[in-house]
Amino acid sequence: MMALVRVSALPEGALDSAAAFHAEMLPQVRAALAASGEDLVLAFEPADHEHRGWRLAAVQQLAREHAPRRVNAIESDDEEAIAAALSYIDRAPGLTGQLLRLDRNGADGLLSSAS
């Protein structure tokens, strides 16, 4: 089982966005992890490359703190892509501490099993 936490309405700038996430969202995320035995996926709204560093660092630290449960993150505003990523993450038990940027192109050709 996997919980999905949507992270939205953060400031545009990377530094302000990181500060807001850590002040406002991180306590809620930690409480959710402490209260349940579920793996967790954070769903961030798309942002430019300047946000990648702080997002990845947050996800990696949460994954370390809450192992053996898995914590991952995705970046997307496309519901179909989010659903596909959640299905993939659920089937990849070794995947943790990752930030996956999604697009509308999909990965069917890359993820198909060999016949």
PDB file of N, CA and C in Angstrom:
ATOM      1  N   MET A   1       0.841  -1.178   0.000  1.00  0.00           N
ATOM      2  CA  MET A   1       0.000   0.000   0.000  1.00  0.00           C
ATOM      3  C   MET A   1       0.883   1.237   0.000  1.00  0.00           C
ATOM      4  N   MET A   2       0.442   2.269  -0.712  1.00  0.00           N
ATOM      5  CA  MET A   2       1.227   3.472  -0.860  1.00  0.00           C
ATOM      6  C   MET A   2       0.344   4.699  -0.660  1.00  0.00           C
ATOM      7  N   ALA A   3       0.822   5.640   0.143  1.00  0.00           N
ATOM      8  CA  ALA A   3       0.108   6.897   0.339  1.00  0.00           C
ATOM      9  C   ALA A   3       0.647   7.930  -0.641  1.00  0.00           C
ATOM     10  N   LEU A   4      -0.234   8.780  -1.147  1.00  0.00           N
ATOM     11  CA  LEU A   4       0.145   9.858  -2.050  1.00  0.00           C
ATOM     12  C   LEU A   4      -0.115  11.178  -1.349  1.00  0.00           C
ATOM     13  N   VAL A   5       0.913  12.017  -1.264  1.00  0.00           N
ATOM     14  CA  VAL A   5       0.779  13.353  -0.681  1.00  0.00           C
ATOM     15  C   VAL A   5       1.082  14.358  -1.781  1.00  0.00           C
ATOM     16  N   ARG A   6       0.093  15.171  -2.107  1.00  0.00           N
ATOM     17  CA  ARG A   6       0.273  16.182  -3.147  1.00  0.00           C
ATOM     18  C   ARG A   6       0.841  17.452  -2.528  1.00  0.00           C
ATOM     19  N   VAL A   7       1.894  17.953  -3.142  1.00  0.00           N
ATOM     20  CA  VAL A   7       2.566  19.165  -2.680  1.00  0.00           C
ATOM     21  C   VAL A   7       2.291  20.246  -3.716  1.00  0.00           C
ATOM     22  N   SER A   8       1.533  21.269  -3.310  1.00  0.00           N
ATOM     23  CA  SER A   8       1.172  22.320  -4.263  1.00  0.00           C
ATOM     24  C   SER A   8       1.195  23.676  -3.568  1.00  0.00           C
ATOM     25  N   ALA A   9       0.982  24.694  -4.357  1.00  0.00           N
ATOM     26  CA  ALA A   9       0.896  26.078  -3.876  1.00  0.00           C
ATOM     27  C   ALA A   9       2.169  26.547  -3.179  1.00  0.00           C
ATOM     28  N   LEU A  10       3.313  26.079  -3.660  1.00  0.00           N
ATOM     29  CA  LEU A  10       4.585  26.559  -3.135  1.00  0.00           C
ATOM     30  C   LEU A  10       5.015  27.791  -3.928  1.00  0.00           C
ATOM     31  N   PRO A  11       5.842  28.652  -3.336  1.00  0.00           N
ATOM     32  CA  PRO A  11       6.338  29.823  -4.068  1.00  0.00           C
ATOM     33  C   PRO A  11       7.111  29.413  -5.320  1.00  0.00           C
ATOM     34  N   GLU A  12       7.246  30.345  -6.251  1.00  0.00           N
ATOM     35  CA  GLU A  12       7.902  30.045  -7.525  1.00  0.00           C
ATOM     36  C   GLU A  12       9.409  29.871  -7.393  1.00  0.00           C
ATOM     37  N   GLY A  13      10.063  30.687  -6.622  1.00  0.00           N
ATOM     38  CA  GLY A  13      11.514  30.606  -6.479  1.00  0.00           C
ATOM     39  C   GLY A  13      11.933  29.376  -5.698  1.00  0.00           C
ATOM     40  N   ALA A  14      13.057  28.782  -6.083  1.00  0.00           N
ATOM     41  CA  ALA A  14      13.503  27.533  -5.458  1.00  0.00           C
ATOM     42  C   ALA A  14      13.778  27.694  -3.967  1.00  0.00           C
ATOM     43  N   LEU A  15      14.451  28.757  -3.566  1.00  0.00           N
ATOM     44  CA  LEU A  15      14.787  28.940  -2.158  1.00  0.00           C
ATOM     45  C   LEU A  15      13.537  29.160  -1.309  1.00  0.00           C
ATOM     46  N   ASP A  16      12.636  30.012  -1.790  1.00  0.00           N
ATOM     47  CA  ASP A  16      11.390  30.250  -1.060  1.00  0.00           C
ATOM     48  C   ASP A  16      10.512  29.002  -1.041  1.00  0.00           C
ATOM     49  N   SER A  17      10.521  28.272  -2.135  1.00  0.00           N
ATOM     50  CA  SER A  17       9.741  27.044  -2.220  1.00  0.00           C
ATOM     51  C   SER A  17      10.254  25.998  -1.230  1.00  0.00           C
ATOM     52  N   ALA A  18      11.569  25.847  -1.163  1.00  0.00           N
ATOM     53  CA  ALA A  18      12.164  24.898  -0.215  1.00  0.00           C
ATOM     54  C   ALA A  18      11.834  25.289   1.218  1.00  0.00           C
ATOM     55  N   ALA A  19      11.938  26.581   1.522  1.00  0.00           N
ATOM     56  CA  ALA A  19      11.637  27.050   2.879  1.00  0.00           C
ATOM     57  C   ALA A  19      10.182  26.776   3.237  1.00  0.00           C
ATOM     58  N   ALA A  20       9.271  27.048   2.309  1.00  0.00           N
ATOM     59  CA  ALA A  20       7.848  26.806   2.568  1.00  0.00           C
ATOM     60  C   ALA A  20       7.567  25.322   2.748  1.00  0.00           C
ATOM     61  N   PHE A  21       8.165  24.475   1.907  1.00  0.00           N
ATOM     62  CA  PHE A  21       7.964  23.031   2.042  1.00  0.00           C
ATOM     63  C   PHE A  21       8.420  22.551   3.415  1.00  0.00           C
ATOM     64  N   HIS A  22       9.625  22.946   3.813  1.00  0.00           N
ATOM     65  CA  HIS A  22      10.167  22.477   5.089  1.00  0.00           C
ATOM     66  C   HIS A  22       9.385  23.021   6.282  1.00  0.00           C
ATOM     67  N   ALA A  23       8.869  24.228   6.179  1.00  0.00           N
ATOM     68  CA  ALA A  23       8.123  24.816   7.298  1.00  0.00           C
ATOM     69  C   ALA A  23       6.685  24.316   7.366  1.00  0.00           C
ATOM     70  N   GLU A  24       6.038  24.169   6.214  1.00  0.00           N
ATOM     71  CA  GLU A  24       4.604  23.880   6.193  1.00  0.00           C
ATOM     72  C   GLU A  24       4.270  22.421   5.904  1.00  0.00           C
ATOM     73  N   MET A  25       4.940  21.822   4.940  1.00  0.00           N
ATOM     74  CA  MET A  25       4.572  20.472   4.505  1.00  0.00           C
ATOM     75  C   MET A  25       5.329  19.365   5.227  1.00  0.00           C
ATOM     76  N   LEU A  26       6.602  19.578   5.501  1.00  0.00           N
ATOM     77  CA  LEU A  26       7.422  18.514   6.076  1.00  0.00           C
ATOM     78  C   LEU A  26       6.861  17.969   7.386  1.00  0.00           C
ATOM     79  N   PRO A  27       6.385  18.816   8.306  1.00  0.00           N
ATOM     80  CA  PRO A  27       5.792  18.251   9.527  1.00  0.00           C
ATOM     81  C   PRO A  27       4.590  17.344   9.233  1.00  0.00           C
ATOM     82  N   GLN A  28       3.783  17.708   8.243  1.00  0.00           N
ATOM     83  CA  GLN A  28       2.631  16.882   7.871  1.00  0.00           C
ATOM     84  C   GLN A  28       3.081  15.555   7.260  1.00  0.00           C
ATOM     85  N   VAL A  29       4.109  15.614   6.433  1.00  0.00           N
ATOM     86  CA  VAL A  29       4.628  14.397   5.797  1.00  0.00           C
ATOM     87  C   VAL A  29       5.200  13.458   6.853  1.00  0.00           C
ATOM     88  N   ARG A  30       5.989  14.004   7.766  1.00  0.00           N
ATOM     89  CA  ARG A  30       6.558  13.169   8.831  1.00  0.00           C
ATOM     90  C   ARG A  30       5.464  12.571   9.711  1.00  0.00           C
ATOM     91  N   ALA A  31       4.430  13.345  10.003  1.00  0.00           N
ATOM     92  CA  ALA A  31       3.318  12.829  10.810  1.00  0.00           C
ATOM     93  C   ALA A  31       2.599  11.702  10.077  1.00  0.00           C
ATOM     94  N   ALA A  32       2.408  11.862   8.773  1.00  0.00           N
ATOM     95  CA  ALA A  32       1.750  10.813   7.983  1.00  0.00           C
ATOM     96  C   ALA A  32       2.583   9.540   7.978  1.00  0.00           C
ATOM     97  N   LEU A  33       3.889   9.677   7.850  1.00  0.00           N
ATOM     98  CA  LEU A  33       4.762   8.500   7.872  1.00  0.00           C
ATOM     99  C   LEU A  33       4.769   7.834   9.240  1.00  0.00           C
ATOM    100  N   ALA A  34       4.742   8.623  10.295  1.00  0.00           N
ATOM    101  CA  ALA A  34       4.757   8.062  11.647  1.00  0.00           C
ATOM    102  C   ALA A  34       3.445   7.364  11.983  1.00  0.00           C
ATOM    103  N   ALA A  35       2.344   7.850  11.417  1.00  0.00           N
ATOM    104  CA  ALA A  35       1.027   7.320  11.765  1.00  0.00           C
ATOM    105  C   ALA A  35       0.645   6.075  10.976  1.00  0.00           C
ATOM    106  N   SER A  36       1.315   5.827   9.859  1.00  0.00           N
ATOM    107  CA  SER A  36       0.917   4.684   9.031  1.00  0.00           C
ATOM    108  C   SER A  36       2.120   3.814   8.721  1.00  0.00           C
ATOM    109  N   GLY A  37       1.839   2.634   8.272  1.00  0.00           N
ATOM    110  CA  GLY A  37       2.905   1.732   7.860  1.00  0.00           C
ATOM    111  C   GLY A  37       3.079   1.715   6.354  1.00  0.00           C
ATOM    112  N   GLU A  38       2.497   2.695   5.677  1.00  0.00           N
ATOM    113  CA  GLU A  38       2.506   2.714   4.220  1.00  0.00           C
ATOM    114  C   GLU A  38       3.755   3.390   3.662  1.00  0.00           C
ATOM    115  N   ASP A  39       4.141   2.952   2.470  1.00  0.00           N
ATOM    116  CA  ASP A  39       5.134   3.681   1.698  1.00  0.00           C
ATOM    117  C   ASP A  39       4.493   4.994   1.261  1.00  0.00           C
ATOM    118  N   LEU A  40       5.314   5.959   0.867  1.00  0.00           N
ATOM    119  CA  LEU A  40       4.801   7.291   0.564  1.00  0.00           C
ATOM    120  C   LEU A  40       5.386   7.813  -0.738  1.00  0.00           C
ATOM    121  N   VAL A  41       4.539   8.471  -1.513  1.00  0.00           N
ATOM    122  CA  VAL A  41       4.980   9.180  -2.709  1.00  0.00           C
ATOM    123  C   VAL A  41       4.524  10.625  -2.589  1.00  0.00           C
ATOM    124  N   LEU A  42       5.470  11.544  -2.728  1.00  0.00           N
ATOM    125  CA  LEU A  42       5.164  12.967  -2.786  1.00  0.00           C
ATOM    126  C   LEU A  42       4.956  13.338  -4.244  1.00  0.00           C
ATOM    127  N   ALA A  43       3.893  14.066  -4.540  1.00  0.00           N
ATOM    128  CA  ALA A  43       3.628  14.516  -5.906  1.00  0.00           C
ATOM    129  C   ALA A  43       3.794  16.031  -5.947  1.00  0.00           C
ATOM    130  N   PHE A  44       4.910  16.469  -6.512  1.00  0.00           N
ATOM    131  CA  PHE A  44       5.189  17.890  -6.663  1.00  0.00           C
ATOM    132  C   PHE A  44       4.641  18.388  -7.992  1.00  0.00           C
ATOM    133  N   GLU A  45       4.207  19.647  -8.012  1.00  0.00           N
ATOM    134  CA  GLU A  45       3.858  20.279  -9.272  1.00  0.00           C
ATOM    135  C   GLU A  45       5.147  20.510 -10.059  1.00  0.00           C
ATOM    136  N   PRO A  46       5.073  20.524 -11.387  1.00  0.00           N
ATOM    137  CA  PRO A  46       6.282  20.765 -12.172  1.00  0.00           C
ATOM    138  C   PRO A  46       6.912  22.114 -11.820  1.00  0.00           C
ATOM    139  N   ALA A  47       8.227  22.152 -11.850  1.00  0.00           N
ATOM    140  CA  ALA A  47       8.983  23.383 -11.610  1.00  0.00           C
ATOM    141  C   ALA A  47      10.272  23.297 -12.413  1.00  0.00           C
ATOM    142  N   ASP A  48      10.965  24.417 -12.536  1.00  0.00           N
ATOM    143  CA  ASP A  48      12.201  24.384 -13.317  1.00  0.00           C
ATOM    144  C   ASP A  48      13.305  23.637 -12.571  1.00  0.00           C
ATOM    145  N   HIS A  49      14.425  23.470 -13.248  1.00  0.00           N
ATOM    146  CA  HIS A  49      15.525  22.642 -12.740  1.00  0.00           C
ATOM    147  C   HIS A  49      16.092  23.124 -11.411  1.00  0.00           C
ATOM    148  N   GLU A  50      15.897  24.377 -11.062  1.00  0.00           N
ATOM    149  CA  GLU A  50      16.450  24.911  -9.817  1.00  0.00           C
ATOM    150  C   GLU A  50      15.836  24.262  -8.572  1.00  0.00           C
ATOM    151  N   HIS A  51      14.691  23.622  -8.710  1.00  0.00           N
ATOM    152  CA  HIS A  51      14.008  22.991  -7.576  1.00  0.00           C
ATOM    153  C   HIS A  51      14.469  21.552  -7.334  1.00  0.00           C
ATOM    154  N   ARG A  52      15.135  20.965  -8.305  1.00  0.00           N
ATOM    155  CA  ARG A  52      15.477  19.542  -8.213  1.00  0.00           C
ATOM    156  C   ARG A  52      16.341  19.214  -6.998  1.00  0.00           C
ATOM    157  N   GLY A  53      17.322  20.036  -6.700  1.00  0.00           N
ATOM    158  CA  GLY A  53      18.251  19.741  -5.608  1.00  0.00           C
ATOM    159  C   GLY A  53      17.576  19.626  -4.257  1.00  0.00           C
ATOM    160  N   TRP A  54      16.756  20.615  -3.905  1.00  0.00           N
ATOM    161  CA  TRP A  54      16.133  20.560  -2.579  1.00  0.00           C
ATOM    162  C   TRP A  54      15.071  19.470  -2.511  1.00  0.00           C
ATOM    163  N   ARG A  55      14.360  19.245  -3.602  1.00  0.00           N
ATOM    164  CA  ARG A  55      13.343  18.190  -3.603  1.00  0.00           C
ATOM    165  C   ARG A  55      13.989  16.817  -3.430  1.00  0.00           C
ATOM    166  N   LEU A  56      15.041  16.561  -4.179  1.00  0.00           N
ATOM    167  CA  LEU A  56      15.724  15.274  -4.082  1.00  0.00           C
ATOM    168  C   LEU A  56      16.319  15.073  -2.694  1.00  0.00           C
ATOM    169  N   ALA A  57      16.937  16.104  -2.138  1.00  0.00           N
ATOM    170  CA  ALA A  57      17.520  15.993  -0.794  1.00  0.00           C
ATOM    171  C   ALA A  57      16.450  15.670   0.245  1.00  0.00           C
ATOM    172  N   ALA A  58      15.293  16.304   0.148  1.00  0.00           N
ATOM    173  CA  ALA A  58      14.210  16.046   1.102  1.00  0.00           C
ATOM    174  C   ALA A  58      13.719  14.605   0.993  1.00  0.00           C
ATOM    175  N   VAL A  59      13.519  14.134  -0.231  1.00  0.00           N
ATOM    176  CA  VAL A  59      13.027  12.769  -0.444  1.00  0.00           C
ATOM    177  C   VAL A  59      14.048  11.742   0.032  1.00  0.00           C
ATOM    178  N   GLN A  60      15.310  11.974  -0.268  1.00  0.00           N
ATOM    179  CA  GLN A  60      16.344  11.029   0.157  1.00  0.00           C
ATOM    180  C   GLN A  60      16.433  10.950   1.679  1.00  0.00           C
ATOM    181  N   GLN A  61      16.362  12.088   2.358  1.00  0.00           N
ATOM    182  CA  GLN A  61      16.447  12.077   3.817  1.00  0.00           C
ATOM    183  C   GLN A  61      15.226  11.403   4.431  1.00  0.00           C
ATOM    184  N   LEU A  62      14.042  11.674   3.898  1.00  0.00           N
ATOM    185  CA  LEU A  62      12.841  11.009   4.399  1.00  0.00           C
ATOM    186  C   LEU A  62      12.939   9.498   4.203  1.00  0.00           C
ATOM    187  N   ALA A  63      13.471   9.067   3.064  1.00  0.00           N
ATOM    188  CA  ALA A  63      13.630   7.628   2.804  1.00  0.00           C
ATOM    189  C   ALA A  63      14.583   7.003   3.814  1.00  0.00           C
ATOM    190  N   ARG A  64      15.667   7.695   4.127  1.00  0.00           N
ATOM    191  CA  ARG A  64      16.615   7.162   5.118  1.00  0.00           C
ATOM    192  C   ARG A  64      15.978   7.093   6.502  1.00  0.00           C
ATOM    193  N   GLU A  65      15.267   8.141   6.885  1.00  0.00           N
ATOM    194  CA  GLU A  65      14.661   8.202   8.217  1.00  0.00           C
ATOM    195  C   GLU A  65      13.593   7.141   8.430  1.00  0.00           C
ATOM    196  N   HIS A  66      12.907   6.749   7.362  1.00  0.00           N
ATOM    197  CA  HIS A  66      11.740   5.874   7.527  1.00  0.00           C
ATOM    198  C   HIS A  66      11.916   4.492   6.913  1.00  0.00           C
ATOM    199  N   ALA A  67      13.146   4.125   6.578  1.00  0.00           N
ATOM    200  CA  ALA A  67      13.406   2.775   6.069  1.00  0.00           C
ATOM    201  C   ALA A  67      12.980   1.763   7.130  1.00  0.00           C
ATOM    202  N   PRO A  68      12.418   0.640   6.769  1.00  0.00           N
ATOM    203  CA  PRO A  68      12.394   0.048   5.436  1.00  0.00           C
ATOM    204  C   PRO A  68      11.236   0.517   4.556  1.00  0.00           C
ATOM    205  N   ARG A  69      10.377   1.394   5.080  1.00  0.00           N
ATOM    206  CA  ARG A  69       9.336   1.929   4.198  1.00  0.00           C
ATOM    207  C   ARG A  69       9.993   2.760   3.108  1.00  0.00           C
ATOM    208  N   ARG A  70       9.325   2.847   1.992  1.00  0.00           N
ATOM    209  CA  ARG A  70       9.884   3.564   0.848  1.00  0.00           C
ATOM    210  C   ARG A  70       9.254   4.944   0.728  1.00  0.00           C
ATOM    211  N   VAL A  71      10.083   5.924   0.405  1.00  0.00           N
ATOM    212  CA  VAL A  71       9.620   7.282   0.142  1.00  0.00           C
ATOM    213  C   VAL A  71      10.206   7.706  -1.199  1.00  0.00           C
ATOM    214  N   ASN A  72       9.339   8.090  -2.112  1.00  0.00           N
ATOM    215  CA  ASN A  72       9.745   8.570  -3.429  1.00  0.00           C
ATOM    216  C   ASN A  72       8.955   9.829  -3.746  1.00  0.00           C
ATOM    217  N   ALA A  73       9.331  10.491  -4.828  1.00  0.00           N
ATOM    218  CA  ALA A  73       8.608  11.685  -5.263  1.00  0.00           C
ATOM    219  C   ALA A  73       8.506  11.692  -6.776  1.00  0.00           C
ATOM    220  N   ILE A  74       7.450  12.341  -7.241  1.00  0.00           N
ATOM    221  CA  ILE A  74       7.254  12.537  -8.667  1.00  0.00           C
ATOM    222  C   ILE A  74       6.978  14.018  -8.901  1.00  0.00           C
ATOM    223  N   GLU A  75       7.264  14.470 -10.113  1.00  0.00           N
ATOM    224  CA  GLU A  75       6.956  15.837 -10.534  1.00  0.00           C
ATOM    225  C   GLU A  75       6.052  15.746 -11.750  1.00  0.00           C
ATOM    226  N   SER A  76       4.792  16.162 -11.595  1.00  0.00           N
ATOM    227  CA  SER A  76       3.866  16.118 -12.724  1.00  0.00           C
ATOM    228  C   SER A  76       2.558  16.792 -12.345  1.00  0.00           C
ATOM    229  N   ASP A  77       1.854  17.268 -13.367  1.00  0.00           N
ATOM    230  CA  ASP A  77       0.486  17.733 -13.181  1.00  0.00           C
ATOM    231  C   ASP A  77      -0.463  16.943 -14.083  1.00  0.00           C
ATOM    232  N   ASP A  78       0.026  15.847 -14.636  1.00  0.00           N
ATOM    233  CA  ASP A  78      -0.746  14.993 -15.531  1.00  0.00           C
ATOM    234  C   ASP A  78      -1.233  13.771 -14.749  1.00  0.00           C
ATOM    235  N   GLU A  79      -2.535  13.684 -14.537  1.00  0.00           N
ATOM    236  CA  GLU A  79      -3.100  12.615 -13.701  1.00  0.00           C
ATOM    237  C   GLU A  79      -2.829  11.226 -14.266  1.00  0.00           C
ATOM    238  N   GLU A  80      -2.852  11.090 -15.575  1.00  0.00           N
ATOM    239  CA  GLU A  80      -2.580   9.784 -16.185  1.00  0.00           C
ATOM    240  C   GLU A  80      -1.127   9.371 -15.939  1.00  0.00           C
ATOM    241  N   ALA A  81      -0.217  10.320 -16.073  1.00  0.00           N
ATOM    242  CA  ALA A  81       1.200  10.032 -15.819  1.00  0.00           C
ATOM    243  C   ALA A  81       1.428   9.701 -14.349  1.00  0.00           C
ATOM    244  N   ILE A  82       0.746  10.412 -13.466  1.00  0.00           N
ATOM    245  CA  ILE A  82       0.879  10.144 -12.030  1.00  0.00           C
ATOM    246  C   ILE A  82       0.396   8.734 -11.717  1.00  0.00           C
ATOM    247  N   ALA A  83      -0.754   8.355 -12.265  1.00  0.00           N
ATOM    248  CA  ALA A  83      -1.288   7.010 -12.021  1.00  0.00           C
ATOM    249  C   ALA A  83      -0.332   5.938 -12.541  1.00  0.00           C
ATOM    250  N   ALA A  84       0.239   6.154 -13.718  1.00  0.00           N
ATOM    251  CA  ALA A  84       1.186   5.184 -14.278  1.00  0.00           C
ATOM    252  C   ALA A  84       2.438   5.090 -13.414  1.00  0.00           C
ATOM    253  N   ALA A  85       2.924   6.222 -12.933  1.00  0.00           N
ATOM    254  CA  ALA A  85       4.119   6.213 -12.081  1.00  0.00           C
ATOM    255  C   ALA A  85       3.848   5.510 -10.761  1.00  0.00           C
ATOM    256  N   LEU A  86       2.684   5.741 -10.182  1.00  0.00           N
ATOM    257  CA  LEU A  86       2.343   5.068  -8.925  1.00  0.00           C
ATOM    258  C   LEU A  86       2.297   3.557  -9.119  1.00  0.00           C
ATOM    259  N   SER A  87       1.749   3.120 -10.239  1.00  0.00           N
ATOM    260  CA  SER A  87       1.713   1.691 -10.533  1.00  0.00           C
ATOM    261  C   SER A  87       3.128   1.135 -10.670  1.00  0.00           C
ATOM    262  N   TYR A  88       3.989   1.868 -11.365  1.00  0.00           N
ATOM    263  CA  TYR A  88       5.378   1.430 -11.536  1.00  0.00           C
ATOM    264  C   TYR A  88       6.096   1.362 -10.188  1.00  0.00           C
ATOM    265  N   ILE A  89       5.980   2.413  -9.396  1.00  0.00           N
ATOM    266  CA  ILE A  89       6.664   2.456  -8.095  1.00  0.00           C
ATOM    267  C   ILE A  89       6.180   1.316  -7.202  1.00  0.00           C
ATOM    268  N   ASP A  90       4.893   1.036  -7.249  1.00  0.00           N
ATOM    269  CA  ASP A  90       4.335  -0.051  -6.438  1.00  0.00           C
ATOM    270  C   ASP A  90       4.942  -1.398  -6.817  1.00  0.00           C
ATOM    271  N   ARG A  91       5.295  -1.570  -8.101  1.00  0.00           N
ATOM    272  CA  ARG A  91       5.862  -2.829  -8.590  1.00  0.00           C
ATOM    273  C   ARG A  91       7.383  -2.862  -8.543  1.00  0.00           C
ATOM    274  N   ALA A  92       7.999  -1.816  -8.007  1.00  0.00           N
ATOM    275  CA  ALA A  92       9.467  -1.740  -7.948  1.00  0.00           C
ATOM    276  C   ALA A  92       9.901  -1.644  -6.486  1.00  0.00           C
ATOM    277  N   PRO A  93       9.933  -2.774  -5.782  1.00  0.00           N
ATOM    278  CA  PRO A  93      10.156  -2.741  -4.336  1.00  0.00           C
ATOM    279  C   PRO A  93      11.513  -2.200  -3.903  1.00  0.00           C
ATOM    280  N   GLY A  94      12.471  -2.137  -4.795  1.00  0.00           N
ATOM    281  CA  GLY A  94      13.783  -1.604  -4.428  1.00  0.00           C
ATOM    282  C   GLY A  94      13.920  -0.108  -4.662  1.00  0.00           C
ATOM    283  N   LEU A  95      12.891   0.511  -5.204  1.00  0.00           N
ATOM    284  CA  LEU A  95      12.940   1.930  -5.548  1.00  0.00           C
ATOM    285  C   LEU A  95      12.575   2.776  -4.336  1.00  0.00           C
ATOM    286  N   THR A  96      13.517   3.577  -3.856  1.00  0.00           N
ATOM    287  CA  THR A  96      13.257   4.478  -2.736  1.00  0.00           C
ATOM    288  C   THR A  96      14.237   5.641  -2.786  1.00  0.00           C
ATOM    289  N   GLY A  97      13.805   6.782  -2.276  1.00  0.00           N
ATOM    290  CA  GLY A  97      14.650   7.969  -2.252  1.00  0.00           C
ATOM    291  C   GLY A  97      14.847   8.609  -3.612  1.00  0.00           C
ATOM    292  N   GLN A  98      13.896   8.389  -4.525  1.00  0.00           N
ATOM    293  CA  GLN A  98      14.039   8.888  -5.895  1.00  0.00           C
ATOM    294  C   GLN A  98      13.043  10.005  -6.194  1.00  0.00           C
ATOM    295  N   LEU A  99      13.441  10.888  -7.090  1.00  0.00           N
ATOM    296  CA  LEU A  99      12.591  11.956  -7.608  1.00  0.00           C
ATOM    297  C   LEU A  99      12.453  11.734  -9.107  1.00  0.00           C
ATOM    298  N   LEU A 100      11.246  11.411  -9.551  1.00  0.00           N
ATOM    299  CA  LEU A 100      10.990  11.092 -10.955  1.00  0.00           C
ATOM    300  C   LEU A 100      10.224  12.233 -11.614  1.00  0.00           C
ATOM    301  N   ARG A 101      10.818  12.834 -12.632  1.00  0.00           N
ATOM    302  CA  ARG A 101      10.133  13.873 -13.403  1.00  0.00           C
ATOM    303  C   ARG A 101       9.366  13.186 -14.522  1.00  0.00           C
ATOM    304  N   LEU A 102       8.064  13.397 -14.549  1.00  0.00           N
ATOM    305  CA  LEU A 102       7.206  12.724 -15.519  1.00  0.00           C
ATOM    306  C   LEU A 102       6.849  13.667 -16.652  1.00  0.00           C
ATOM    307  N   ASP A 103       6.609  13.083 -17.829  1.00  0.00           N
ATOM    308  CA  ASP A 103       6.082  13.844 -18.949  1.00  0.00           C
ATOM    309  C   ASP A 103       4.915  13.068 -19.544  1.00  0.00           C
ATOM    310  N   ARG A 104       4.368  13.583 -20.601  1.00  0.00           N
ATOM    311  CA  ARG A 104       3.201  12.946 -21.207  1.00  0.00           C
ATOM    312  C   ARG A 104       3.579  11.866 -22.224  1.00  0.00           C
ATOM    313  N   ASN A 105       4.876  11.629 -22.419  1.00  0.00           N
ATOM    314  CA  ASN A 105       5.316  10.665 -23.425  1.00  0.00           C
ATOM    315  C   ASN A 105       5.235   9.226 -22.956  1.00  0.00           C
ATOM    316  N   GLY A 106       5.264   9.000 -21.650  1.00  0.00           N
ATOM    317  CA  GLY A 106       5.198   7.645 -21.133  1.00  0.00           C
ATOM    318  C   GLY A 106       6.506   6.900 -21.320  1.00  0.00           C
ATOM    319  N   ALA A 107       6.536   5.702 -20.798  1.00  0.00           N
ATOM    320  CA  ALA A 107       7.738   4.874 -20.878  1.00  0.00           C
ATOM    321  C   ALA A 107       7.389   3.452 -21.281  1.00  0.00           C
ATOM    322  N   ASP A 108       6.272   3.281 -21.976  1.00  0.00           N
ATOM    323  CA  ASP A 108       5.836   1.930 -22.325  1.00  0.00           C
ATOM    324  C   ASP A 108       6.917   1.139 -23.042  1.00  0.00           C
ATOM    325  N   GLY A 109       7.566   1.729 -24.013  1.00  0.00           N
ATOM    326  CA  GLY A 109       8.608   1.029 -24.754  1.00  0.00           C
ATOM    327  C   GLY A 109       9.811   0.692 -23.896  1.00  0.00           C
ATOM    328  N   LEU A 110      10.067   1.494 -22.889  1.00  0.00           N
ATOM    329  CA  LEU A 110      11.210   1.262 -22.011  1.00  0.00           C
ATOM    330  C   LEU A 110      10.905   0.247 -20.922  1.00  0.00           C
ATOM    331  N   LEU A 111       9.649   0.170 -20.510  1.00  0.00           N
ATOM    332  CA  LEU A 111       9.290  -0.678 -19.379  1.00  0.00           C
ATOM    333  C   LEU A 111       8.647  -1.993 -19.774  1.00  0.00           C
ATOM    334  N   SER A 112       8.411  -2.197 -21.052  1.00  0.00           N
ATOM    335  CA  SER A 112       7.776  -3.442 -21.483  1.00  0.00           C
ATOM    336  C   SER A 112       8.685  -4.621 -21.182  1.00  0.00           C
ATOM    337  N   SER A 113       8.074  -5.716 -20.783  1.00  0.00           N
ATOM    338  CA  SER A 113       8.871  -6.913 -20.520  1.00  0.00           C
ATOM    339  C   SER A 113       9.221  -7.585 -21.840  1.00  0.00           C
ATOM    340  N   ALA A 114      10.364  -8.218 -21.865  1.00  0.00           N
ATOM    341  CA  ALA A 114      10.800  -8.928 -23.076  1.00  0.00           C
ATOM    342  C   ALA A 114       9.939 -10.159 -23.286  1.00  0.00           C
ATOM    343  N   SER A 115       9.650 -10.463 -24.555  1.00  0.00           N
ATOM    344  CA  SER A 115       8.835 -11.649 -24.812  1.00  0.00           C
ATOM    345  C   SER A 115       9.678 -12.854 -25.036  1.00  0.00           C
TER     346      SER A 115
END
